[in-house]
Full PDB file with SEQRES, HELIX, SHEET, SSBOND, CRYST1, ORIGX, SCALE, CONECT and MASTER records, all heavy atoms in Angstrom:
SEQRES   1 A   39  VAL VAL ARG HIS PRO HIS SER GLY ALA VAL GLU LEU LEU          
SEQRES   2 A   39  SER GLN LYS VAL THR CYS SER VAL ILE ASN GLY GLY ASP          
SEQRES   3 A   39  GLY SER HIS GLU HIS PRO THR GLN ALA LEU LEU ASP ALA          
HELIX    1 AA1 ALA A    9  SER A   14  1                                   6    
HELIX    2 AA2 PRO A   32  ASP A   38  1                                   7    
SHEET    1 AA1 2 VAL A   2  HIS A   4  0                                        
SHEET    2 AA1 2 ASN A  23  ASP A  26  1                                        
CRYST1    1.000    1.000    1.000  90.00  90.00  90.00 P 1           1          
ORIGX1      1.000000  0.000000  0.000000        0.00000                         
ORIGX2      0.000000  1.000000  0.000000        0.00000                         
ORIGX3      0.000000  0.000000  1.000000        0.00000                         
SCALE1      1.000000  0.000000  0.000000        0.00000                         
SCALE2      0.000000  1.000000  0.000000        0.00000                         
SCALE3      0.000000  0.000000  1.000000        0.00000                         
ATOM      1  N   VAL A   1     100.244  83.676  88.547  1.00  0.00           N  
ATOM      2  CA  VAL A   1     100.878  84.996  88.565  1.00  0.00           C  
ATOM      3  C   VAL A   1      99.844  85.959  89.121  1.00  0.00           C  
ATOM      4  O   VAL A   1      98.768  86.110  88.546  1.00  0.00           O  
ATOM      5  CB  VAL A   1     101.327  85.433  87.156  1.00  0.00           C  
ATOM      6  CG1 VAL A   1     101.988  86.806  87.216  1.00  0.00           C  
ATOM      7  CG2 VAL A   1     102.279  84.406  86.554  1.00  0.00           C  
ATOM      8  N   VAL A   2     100.170  86.604  90.239  1.00  0.00           N  
ATOM      9  CA  VAL A   2      99.158  87.374  90.967  1.00  0.00           C  
ATOM     10  C   VAL A   2      99.624  88.811  91.183  1.00  0.00           C  
ATOM     11  O   VAL A   2     100.756  89.053  91.612  1.00  0.00           O  
ATOM     12  CB  VAL A   2      98.846  86.736  92.340  1.00  0.00           C  
ATOM     13  CG1 VAL A   2      97.707  87.497  93.030  1.00  0.00           C  
ATOM     14  CG2 VAL A   2      98.493  85.260  92.176  1.00  0.00           C  
ATOM     15  N   ARG A   3      98.744  89.750  90.885  1.00  0.00           N  
ATOM     16  CA  ARG A   3      98.928  91.151  91.283  1.00  0.00           C  
ATOM     17  C   ARG A   3      97.754  91.526  92.174  1.00  0.00           C  
ATOM     18  O   ARG A   3      96.603  91.221  91.858  1.00  0.00           O  
ATOM     19  CB  ARG A   3      98.997  92.075  90.070  1.00  0.00           C  
ATOM     20  CG  ARG A   3      98.914  93.558  90.448  1.00  0.00           C  
ATOM     21  CD  ARG A   3      99.214  94.481  89.306  1.00  0.00           C  
ATOM     22  NE  ARG A   3     100.640  94.482  88.998  1.00  0.00           N  
ATOM     23  CZ  ARG A   3     101.197  95.302  88.118  1.00  0.00           C  
ATOM     24  NH1 ARG A   3     100.463  96.188  87.460  1.00  0.00           N  
ATOM     25  NH2 ARG A   3     102.494  95.253  87.893  1.00  0.00           N  
ATOM     26  N   HIS A   4      98.063  92.213  93.283  1.00  0.00           N  
ATOM     27  CA  HIS A   4      97.014  92.551  94.246  1.00  0.00           C  
ATOM     28  C   HIS A   4      97.295  93.917  94.862  1.00  0.00           C  
ATOM     29  O   HIS A   4      98.462  94.273  95.078  1.00  0.00           O  
ATOM     30  CB  HIS A   4      96.942  91.483  95.348  1.00  0.00           C  
ATOM     31  CG  HIS A   4      95.651  91.462  96.090  1.00  0.00           C  
ATOM     32  ND1 HIS A   4      95.373  92.340  97.127  1.00  0.00           N  
ATOM     33  CD2 HIS A   4      94.539  90.688  95.944  1.00  0.00           C  
ATOM     34  CE1 HIS A   4      94.160  92.099  97.584  1.00  0.00           C  
ATOM     35  NE2 HIS A   4      93.626  91.102  96.896  1.00  0.00           N  
ATOM     36  N   PRO A   5      96.260  94.696  95.166  1.00  0.00           N  
ATOM     37  CA  PRO A   5      96.479  96.043  95.719  1.00  0.00           C  
ATOM     38  C   PRO A   5      96.959  96.066  97.160  1.00  0.00           C  
ATOM     39  O   PRO A   5      97.401  97.113  97.640  1.00  0.00           O  
ATOM     40  CB  PRO A   5      95.101  96.703  95.593  1.00  0.00           C  
ATOM     41  CG  PRO A   5      94.131  95.572  95.585  1.00  0.00           C  
ATOM     42  CD  PRO A   5      94.830  94.456  94.875  1.00  0.00           C  
ATOM     43  N   HIS A   6      96.901  94.938  97.876  1.00  0.00           N  
ATOM     44  CA  HIS A   6      97.273  94.923  99.292  1.00  0.00           C  
ATOM     45  C   HIS A   6      98.588  94.183  99.508  1.00  0.00           C  
ATOM     46  O   HIS A   6      98.772  93.058  99.031  1.00  0.00           O  
ATOM     47  CB  HIS A   6      96.171  94.281 100.133  1.00  0.00           C  
ATOM     48  CG  HIS A   6      94.855  94.992 100.058  1.00  0.00           C  
ATOM     49  ND1 HIS A   6      94.714  96.333 100.359  1.00  0.00           N  
ATOM     50  CD2 HIS A   6      93.616  94.555  99.689  1.00  0.00           C  
ATOM     51  CE1 HIS A   6      93.442  96.693 100.197  1.00  0.00           C  
ATOM     52  NE2 HIS A   6      92.766  95.637  99.785  1.00  0.00           N  
ATOM     53  N   SER A   7      99.492  94.821 100.230  1.00  0.00           N  
ATOM     54  CA  SER A   7     100.785  94.213 100.545  1.00  0.00           C  
ATOM     55  C   SER A   7     100.576  92.930 101.351  1.00  0.00           C  
ATOM     56  O   SER A   7      99.794  92.895 102.295  1.00  0.00           O  
ATOM     57  CB  SER A   7     101.638  95.193 101.358  1.00  0.00           C  
ATOM     58  OG  SER A   7     101.867  96.386 100.637  1.00  0.00           O  
ATOM     59  N   GLY A   8     101.286  91.881 100.948  1.00  0.00           N  
ATOM     60  CA  GLY A   8     101.205  90.609 101.655  1.00  0.00           C  
ATOM     61  C   GLY A   8     100.148  89.659 101.140  1.00  0.00           C  
ATOM     62  O   GLY A   8     100.142  88.478 101.511  1.00  0.00           O  
ATOM     63  N   ALA A   9      99.255  90.131 100.279  1.00  0.00           N  
ATOM     64  CA  ALA A   9      98.162  89.281  99.793  1.00  0.00           C  
ATOM     65  C   ALA A   9      98.681  88.119  98.956  1.00  0.00           C  
ATOM     66  O   ALA A   9      98.156  87.000  99.036  1.00  0.00           O  
ATOM     67  CB  ALA A   9      97.171  90.113  98.983  1.00  0.00           C  
ATOM     68  N   VAL A  10      99.714  88.365  98.165  1.00  0.00           N  
ATOM     69  CA  VAL A  10     100.242  87.309  97.296  1.00  0.00           C  
ATOM     70  C   VAL A  10     100.902  86.211  98.127  1.00  0.00           C  
ATOM     71  O   VAL A  10     100.754  85.022  97.852  1.00  0.00           O  
ATOM     72  CB  VAL A  10     101.227  87.892  96.272  1.00  0.00           C  
ATOM     73  CG1 VAL A  10     101.790  86.787  95.391  1.00  0.00           C  
ATOM     74  CG2 VAL A  10     100.540  88.949  95.410  1.00  0.00           C  
ATOM     75  N   GLU A  11     101.615  86.607  99.174  1.00  0.00           N  
ATOM     76  CA  GLU A  11     102.229  85.600 100.047  1.00  0.00           C  
ATOM     77  C   GLU A  11     101.160  84.770 100.749  1.00  0.00           C  
ATOM     78  O   GLU A  11     101.304  83.546 100.891  1.00  0.00           O  
ATOM     79  CB  GLU A  11     103.131  86.264 101.079  1.00  0.00           C  
ATOM     80  CG  GLU A  11     103.842  85.257 101.981  1.00  0.00           C  
ATOM     81  CD  GLU A  11     104.844  85.889 102.922  1.00  0.00           C  
ATOM     82  OE1 GLU A  11     104.964  87.124 102.922  1.00  0.00           O  
ATOM     83  OE2 GLU A  11     105.500  85.137 103.663  1.00  0.00           O  
ATOM     84  N   LEU A  12     100.080  85.409 101.202  1.00  0.00           N  
ATOM     85  CA  LEU A  12      98.977  84.687 101.830  1.00  0.00           C  
ATOM     86  C   LEU A  12      98.392  83.665 100.862  1.00  0.00           C  
ATOM     87  O   LEU A  12      98.159  82.504 101.229  1.00  0.00           O  
ATOM     88  CB  LEU A  12      97.896  85.669 102.280  1.00  0.00           C  
ATOM     89  CG  LEU A  12      96.601  85.047 102.839  1.00  0.00           C  
ATOM     90  CD1 LEU A  12      96.891  84.272 104.119  1.00  0.00           C  
ATOM     91  CD2 LEU A  12      95.553  86.131 103.089  1.00  0.00           C  
ATOM     92  N   LEU A  13      98.180  84.079  99.621  1.00  0.00           N  
ATOM     93  CA  LEU A  13      97.629  83.178  98.618  1.00  0.00           C  
ATOM     94  C   LEU A  13      98.565  81.989  98.379  1.00  0.00           C  
ATOM     95  O   LEU A  13      98.117  80.855  98.229  1.00  0.00           O  
ATOM     96  CB  LEU A  13      97.378  83.950  97.323  1.00  0.00           C  
ATOM     97  CG  LEU A  13      96.667  83.228  96.184  1.00  0.00           C  
ATOM     98  CD1 LEU A  13      95.812  84.210  95.385  1.00  0.00           C  
ATOM     99  CD2 LEU A  13      97.649  82.550  95.249  1.00  0.00           C  
ATOM    100  N   SER A  14      99.872  82.253  98.377  1.00  0.00           N  
ATOM    101  CA  SER A  14     100.844  81.186  98.105  1.00  0.00           C  
ATOM    102  C   SER A  14     100.803  80.092  99.164  1.00  0.00           C  
ATOM    103  O   SER A  14     101.176  78.944  98.895  1.00  0.00           O  
ATOM    104  CB  SER A  14     102.256  81.764  98.012  1.00  0.00           C  
ATOM    105  OG  SER A  14     102.748  82.161  99.285  1.00  0.00           O  
ATOM    106  N   GLN A  15     100.354  80.435 100.367  1.00  0.00           N  
ATOM    107  CA  GLN A  15     100.278  79.457 101.452  1.00  0.00           C  
ATOM    108  C   GLN A  15      99.089  78.513 101.303  1.00  0.00           C  
ATOM    109  O   GLN A  15      99.017  77.496 102.009  1.00  0.00           O  
ATOM    110  CB  GLN A  15     100.194  80.187 102.795  1.00  0.00           C  
ATOM    111  CG  GLN A  15     101.416  81.038 103.114  1.00  0.00           C  
ATOM    112  CD  GLN A  15     101.197  81.949 104.318  1.00  0.00           C  
ATOM    113  OE1 GLN A  15     100.163  81.857 104.993  1.00  0.00           O  
ATOM    114  NE2 GLN A  15     102.142  82.828 104.587  1.00  0.00           N  
ATOM    115  N   LYS A  16      98.164  78.841 100.396  1.00  0.00           N  
ATOM    116  CA  LYS A  16      96.929  78.069 100.256  1.00  0.00           C  
ATOM    117  C   LYS A  16      96.896  77.204  98.997  1.00  0.00           C  
ATOM    118  O   LYS A  16      95.890  76.549  98.732  1.00  0.00           O  
ATOM    119  CB  LYS A  16      95.728  79.016 100.239  1.00  0.00           C  
ATOM    120  CG  LYS A  16      95.660  79.979 101.422  1.00  0.00           C  
ATOM    121  CD  LYS A  16      95.519  79.242 102.746  1.00  0.00           C  
ATOM    122  CE  LYS A  16      95.475  80.216 103.927  1.00  0.00           C  
ATOM    123  NZ  LYS A  16      95.352  79.499 105.222  1.00  0.00           N  
ATOM    124  N   VAL A  17      97.979  77.231  98.208  1.00  0.00           N  
ATOM    125  CA  VAL A  17      97.986  76.495  96.949  1.00  0.00           C  
ATOM    126  C   VAL A  17      99.200  75.579  96.880  1.00  0.00           C  
ATOM    127  O   VAL A  17     100.195  75.767  97.578  1.00  0.00           O  
ATOM    128  CB  VAL A  17      97.992  77.458  95.733  1.00  0.00           C  
ATOM    129  CG1 VAL A  17      96.740  78.310  95.708  1.00  0.00           C  
ATOM    130  CG2 VAL A  17      99.242  78.343  95.742  1.00  0.00           C  
ATOM    131  N   THR A  18      99.109  74.569  96.026  1.00  0.00           N  
ATOM    132  CA  THR A  18     100.232  73.640  95.837  1.00  0.00           C  
ATOM    133  C   THR A  18     101.070  74.002  94.625  1.00  0.00           C  
ATOM    134  O   THR A  18     102.169  73.468  94.462  1.00  0.00           O  
ATOM    135  CB  THR A  18      99.706  72.201  95.674  1.00  0.00           C  
ATOM    136  OG1 THR A  18      98.764  72.162  94.587  1.00  0.00           O  
ATOM    137  CG2 THR A  18      99.012  71.731  96.940  1.00  0.00           C  
ATOM    138  N   CYS A  19     100.565  74.900  93.782  1.00  0.00           N  
ATOM    139  CA  CYS A  19     101.320  75.301  92.602  1.00  0.00           C  
ATOM    140  C   CYS A  19     102.293  76.426  92.952  1.00  0.00           C  
ATOM    141  O   CYS A  19     102.296  76.935  94.072  1.00  0.00           O  
ATOM    142  CB  CYS A  19     100.372  75.755  91.490  1.00  0.00           C  
ATOM    143  SG  CYS A  19      99.427  77.244  91.897  1.00  0.00           S  
ATOM    144  N   SER A  20     103.113  76.801  91.993  1.00  0.00           N  
ATOM    145  CA  SER A  20     104.040  77.913  92.188  1.00  0.00           C  
ATOM    146  C   SER A  20     103.306  79.242  92.031  1.00  0.00           C  
ATOM    147  O   SER A  20     102.330  79.336  91.279  1.00  0.00           O  
ATOM    148  CB  SER A  20     105.174  77.835  91.166  1.00  0.00           C  
ATOM    149  OG  SER A  20     105.977  76.689  91.391  1.00  0.00           O  
ATOM    150  N   VAL A  21     103.769  80.259  92.749  1.00  0.00           N  
ATOM    151  CA  VAL A  21     103.172  81.587  92.692  1.00  0.00           C  
ATOM    152  C   VAL A  21     104.270  82.611  92.398  1.00  0.00           C  
ATOM    153  O   VAL A  21     105.338  82.581  93.013  1.00  0.00           O  
ATOM    154  CB  VAL A  21     102.461  81.954  94.013  1.00  0.00           C  
ATOM    155  CG1 VAL A  21     101.933  83.388  93.963  1.00  0.00           C  
ATOM    156  CG2 VAL A  21     101.325  80.983  94.297  1.00  0.00           C  
ATOM    157  N   ILE A  22     104.000  83.493  91.456  1.00  0.00           N  
ATOM    158  CA  ILE A  22     104.910  84.594  91.154  1.00  0.00           C  
ATOM    159  C   ILE A  22     104.184  85.902  91.457  1.00  0.00           C  
ATOM    160  O   ILE A  22     103.047  86.103  91.021  1.00  0.00           O  
ATOM    161  CB  ILE A  22     105.368  84.574  89.683  1.00  0.00           C  
ATOM    162  CG1 ILE A  22     106.169  83.299  89.395  1.00  0.00           C  
ATOM    163  CG2 ILE A  22     106.227  85.806  89.366  1.00  0.00           C  
ATOM    164  CD1 ILE A  22     106.613  83.169  87.944  1.00  0.00           C  
ATOM    165  N   ASN A  23     104.850  86.755  92.197  1.00  0.00           N  
ATOM    166  CA  ASN A  23     104.280  88.040  92.578  1.00  0.00           C  
ATOM    167  C   ASN A  23     104.411  89.038  91.429  1.00  0.00           C  
ATOM    168  O   ASN A  23     105.518  89.431  91.060  1.00  0.00           O  
ATOM    169  CB  ASN A  23     105.003  88.563  93.826  1.00  0.00           C  
ATOM    170  CG  ASN A  23     104.400  89.846  94.368  1.00  0.00           C  
ATOM    171  OD1 ASN A  23     103.433  90.372  93.821  1.00  0.00           O  
ATOM    172  ND2 ASN A  23     104.975  90.353  95.444  1.00  0.00           N  
ATOM    173  N   GLY A  24     103.269  89.461  90.894  1.00  0.00           N  
ATOM    174  CA  GLY A  24     103.261  90.476  89.846  1.00  0.00           C  
ATOM    175  C   GLY A  24     103.130  91.880  90.403  1.00  0.00           C  
ATOM    176  O   GLY A  24     102.898  92.827  89.651  1.00  0.00           O  
ATOM    177  N   GLY A  25     103.299  92.013  91.730  1.00  0.00           N  
ATOM    178  CA  GLY A  25     103.196  93.308  92.401  1.00  0.00           C  
ATOM    179  C   GLY A  25     102.105  93.264  93.451  1.00  0.00           C  
ATOM    180  O   GLY A  25     100.950  92.992  93.127  1.00  0.00           O  
ATOM    181  N   ASP A  26     102.485  93.497  94.724  1.00  0.00           N  
ATOM    182  CA  ASP A  26     101.470  93.497  95.787  1.00  0.00           C  
ATOM    183  C   ASP A  26     101.555  94.787  96.583  1.00  0.00           C  
ATOM    184  O   ASP A  26     102.511  95.032  97.311  1.00  0.00           O  
ATOM    185  CB  ASP A  26     101.616  92.272  96.701  1.00  0.00           C  
ATOM    186  CG  ASP A  26     102.941  92.211  97.444  1.00  0.00           C  
ATOM    187  OD1 ASP A  26     103.959  92.643  96.868  1.00  0.00           O  
ATOM    188  OD2 ASP A  26     102.958  91.735  98.604  1.00  0.00           O  
ATOM    189  N   GLY A  27     100.549  95.628  96.428  1.00  0.00           N  
ATOM    190  CA  GLY A  27     100.472  96.884  97.149  1.00  0.00           C  
ATOM    191  C   GLY A  27     101.735  97.703  97.014  1.00  0.00           C  
ATOM    192  O   GLY A  27     102.250  97.896  95.905  1.00  0.00           O  
ATOM    193  N   SER A  28     102.252  98.179  98.136  1.00  0.00           N  
ATOM    194  CA  SER A  28     103.500  98.938  98.156  1.00  0.00           C  
ATOM    195  C   SER A  28     104.674  98.073  98.599  1.00  0.00           C  
ATOM    196  O   SER A  28     105.723  98.587  98.963  1.00  0.00           O  
ATOM    197  CB  SER A  28     103.366 100.137  99.110  1.00  0.00           C  
ATOM    198  OG  SER A  28     102.316 100.985  98.692  1.00  0.00           O  
ATOM    199  N   HIS A  29     104.483  96.758  98.557  1.00  0.00           N  
ATOM    200  CA  HIS A  29     105.474  95.836  99.109  1.00  0.00           C  
ATOM    201  C   HIS A  29     106.603  95.533  98.128  1.00  0.00           C  
ATOM    202  O   HIS A  29     107.701  96.071  98.245  1.00  0.00           O  
ATOM    203  CB  HIS A  29     104.790  94.543  99.560  1.00  0.00           C  
ATOM    204  CG  HIS A  29     105.725  93.502 100.064  1.00  0.00           C  
ATOM    205  ND1 HIS A  29     105.656  92.185  99.655  1.00  0.00           N  
ATOM    206  CD2 HIS A  29     106.778  93.581 100.914  1.00  0.00           C  
ATOM    207  CE1 HIS A  29     106.607  91.494 100.260  1.00  0.00           C  
ATOM    208  NE2 HIS A  29     107.306  92.315 101.032  1.00  0.00           N  
ATOM    209  N   GLU A  30     106.353  94.680  97.140  1.00  0.00           N  
ATOM    210  CA  GLU A  30     107.416  94.298  96.203  1.00  0.00           C  
ATOM    211  C   GLU A  30     106.870  94.050  94.800  1.00  0.00           C  
ATOM    212  O   GLU A  30     105.682  93.744  94.615  1.00  0.00           O  
ATOM    213  CB  GLU A  30     108.156  93.045  96.689  1.00  0.00           C  
ATOM    214  CG  GLU A  30     109.204  93.313  97.757  1.00  0.00           C  
ATOM    215  CD  GLU A  30     110.474  92.500  97.542  1.00  0.00           C  
ATOM    216  OE1 GLU A  30     110.973  92.442  96.400  1.00  0.00           O  
ATOM    217  OE2 GLU A  30     110.958  91.924  98.536  1.00  0.00           O  
ATOM    218  N   HIS A  31     107.774  94.175  93.831  1.00  0.00           N  
ATOM    219  CA  HIS A  31     107.500  93.855  92.428  1.00  0.00           C  
ATOM    220  C   HIS A  31     108.780  93.206  91.893  1.00  0.00           C  
ATOM    221  O   HIS A  31     109.567  93.836  91.182  1.00  0.00           O  
ATOM    222  CB  HIS A  31     107.174  95.135  91.658  1.00  0.00           C  
ATOM    223  CG  HIS A  31     106.568  94.907  90.312  1.00  0.00           C  
ATOM    224  ND1 HIS A  31     106.537  93.665  89.692  1.00  0.00           N  
ATOM    225  CD2 HIS A  31     105.974  95.765  89.435  1.00  0.00           C  
ATOM    226  CE1 HIS A  31     105.948  93.777  88.512  1.00  0.00           C  
ATOM    227  NE2 HIS A  31     105.597  95.034  88.340  1.00  0.00           N  
ATOM    228  N   PRO A  32     109.001  91.937  92.245  1.00  0.00           N  
ATOM    229  CA  PRO A  32     110.300  91.308  91.969  1.00  0.00           C  
ATOM    230  C   PRO A  32     110.704  91.245  90.507  1.00  0.00           C  
ATOM    231  O   PRO A  32     111.876  91.466  90.185  1.00  0.00           O  
ATOM    232  CB  PRO A  32     110.143  89.904  92.569  1.00  0.00           C  
ATOM    233  CG  PRO A  32     108.667  89.686  92.688  1.00  0.00           C  
ATOM    234  CD  PRO A  32     108.077  91.024  92.950  1.00  0.00           C  
ATOM    235  N   THR A  33     109.757  90.958  89.612  1.00  0.00           N  
ATOM    236  CA  THR A  33     110.165  90.837  88.201  1.00  0.00           C  
ATOM    237  C   THR A  33     110.538  92.188  87.606  1.00  0.00           C  
ATOM    238  O   THR A  33     111.347  92.254  86.680  1.00  0.00           O  
ATOM    239  CB  THR A  33     109.064  90.169  87.359  1.00  0.00           C  
ATOM    240  OG1 THR A  33     107.845  90.924  87.431  1.00  0.00           O  
ATOM    241  CG2 THR A  33     108.808  88.744  87.828  1.00  0.00           C  
ATOM    242  N   GLN A  34     109.979  93.283  88.127  1.00  0.00           N  
ATOM    243  CA  GLN A  34     110.378  94.608  87.658  1.00  0.00           C  
ATOM    244  C   GLN A  34     111.827  94.885  88.044  1.00  0.00           C  
ATOM    245  O   GLN A  34     112.615  95.395  87.242  1.00  0.00           O  
ATOM    246  CB  GLN A  34     109.466  95.681  88.242  1.00  0.00           C  
ATOM    247  CG  GLN A  34     109.820  97.102  87.799  1.00  0.00           C  
ATOM    248  CD  GLN A  34     109.562  97.358  86.328  1.00  0.00           C  
ATOM    249  OE1 GLN A  34     108.496  97.008  85.808  1.00  0.00           O  
ATOM    250  NE2 GLN A  34     110.519  97.967  85.640  1.00  0.00           N  
ATOM    251  N   ALA A  35     112.196  94.553  89.274  1.00  0.00           N  
ATOM    252  CA  ALA A  35     113.578  94.757  89.708  1.00  0.00           C  
ATOM    253  C   ALA A  35     114.541  93.897  88.892  1.00  0.00           C  
ATOM    254  O   ALA A  35     115.636  94.347  88.530  1.00  0.00           O  
ATOM    255  CB  ALA A  35     113.718  94.444  91.200  1.00  0.00           C  
ATOM    256  N   LEU A  36     114.144  92.675  88.589  1.00  0.00           N  
ATOM    257  CA  LEU A  36     114.997  91.795  87.796  1.00  0.00           C  
ATOM    258  C   LEU A  36     115.179  92.330  86.381  1.00  0.00           C  
ATOM    259  O   LEU A  36     116.287  92.305  85.828  1.00  0.00           O  
ATOM    260  CB  LEU A  36     114.410  90.379  87.764  1.00  0.00           C  
ATOM    261  CG  LEU A  36     114.527  89.583  89.065  1.00  0.00           C  
ATOM    262  CD1 LEU A  36     113.613  88.368  89.037  1.00  0.00           C  
ATOM    263  CD2 LEU A  36     115.975  89.144  89.300  1.00  0.00           C  
ATOM    264  N   LEU A  37     114.101  92.831  85.764  1.00  0.00           N  
ATOM    265  CA  LEU A  37     114.234  93.352  84.405  1.00  0.00           C  
ATOM    266  C   LEU A  37     115.049  94.641  84.402  1.00  0.00           C  
ATOM    267  O   LEU A  37     115.798  94.905  83.442  1.00  0.00           O  
ATOM    268  CB  LEU A  37     112.862  93.534  83.755  1.00  0.00           C  
ATOM    269  CG  LEU A  37     111.960  94.693  84.212  1.00  0.00           C  
ATOM    270  CD1 LEU A  37     112.231  95.965  83.426  1.00  0.00           C  
ATOM    271  CD2 LEU A  37     110.483  94.303  84.042  1.00  0.00           C  
ATOM    272  N   ASP A  38     114.923  95.446  85.450  1.00  0.00           N  
ATOM    273  CA  ASP A  38     115.753  96.645  85.553  1.00  0.00           C  
ATOM    274  C   ASP A  38     117.225  96.262  85.674  1.00  0.00           C  
ATOM    275  O   ASP A  38     118.098  96.859  85.030  1.00  0.00           O  
ATOM    276  CB  ASP A  38     115.339  97.479  86.767  1.00  0.00           C  
ATOM    277  CG  ASP A  38     113.980  98.157  86.594  1.00  0.00           C  
ATOM    278  OD1 ASP A  38     113.526  98.283  85.432  1.00  0.00           O  
ATOM    279  OD2 ASP A  38     113.378  98.553  87.602  1.00  0.00           O  
ATOM    280  N   ALA A  39     117.502  95.247  86.498  1.00  0.00           N  
ATOM    281  CA  ALA A  39     118.883  94.787  86.673  1.00  0.00           C  
ATOM    282  C   ALA A  39     119.452  94.231  85.372  1.00  0.00           C  
ATOM    283  O   ALA A  39     120.619  94.479  85.034  1.00  0.00           O  
ATOM    284  CB  ALA A  39     118.937  93.727  87.769  1.00  0.00           C  
TER     285      ALA A  39                                                      
MASTER        0    0    0    2    2    0    0    6  284    1    0    3          
END                                                                             
């Protein structure tokens, strides 16, 4: 589970690992679990 100040950093990290990655918020890009909890 990764949070990073730069947009796109979490996706870059996901390309380098074999495990699953969940975006905990990357820069001004996205925060998917926040949107899901709001929904």
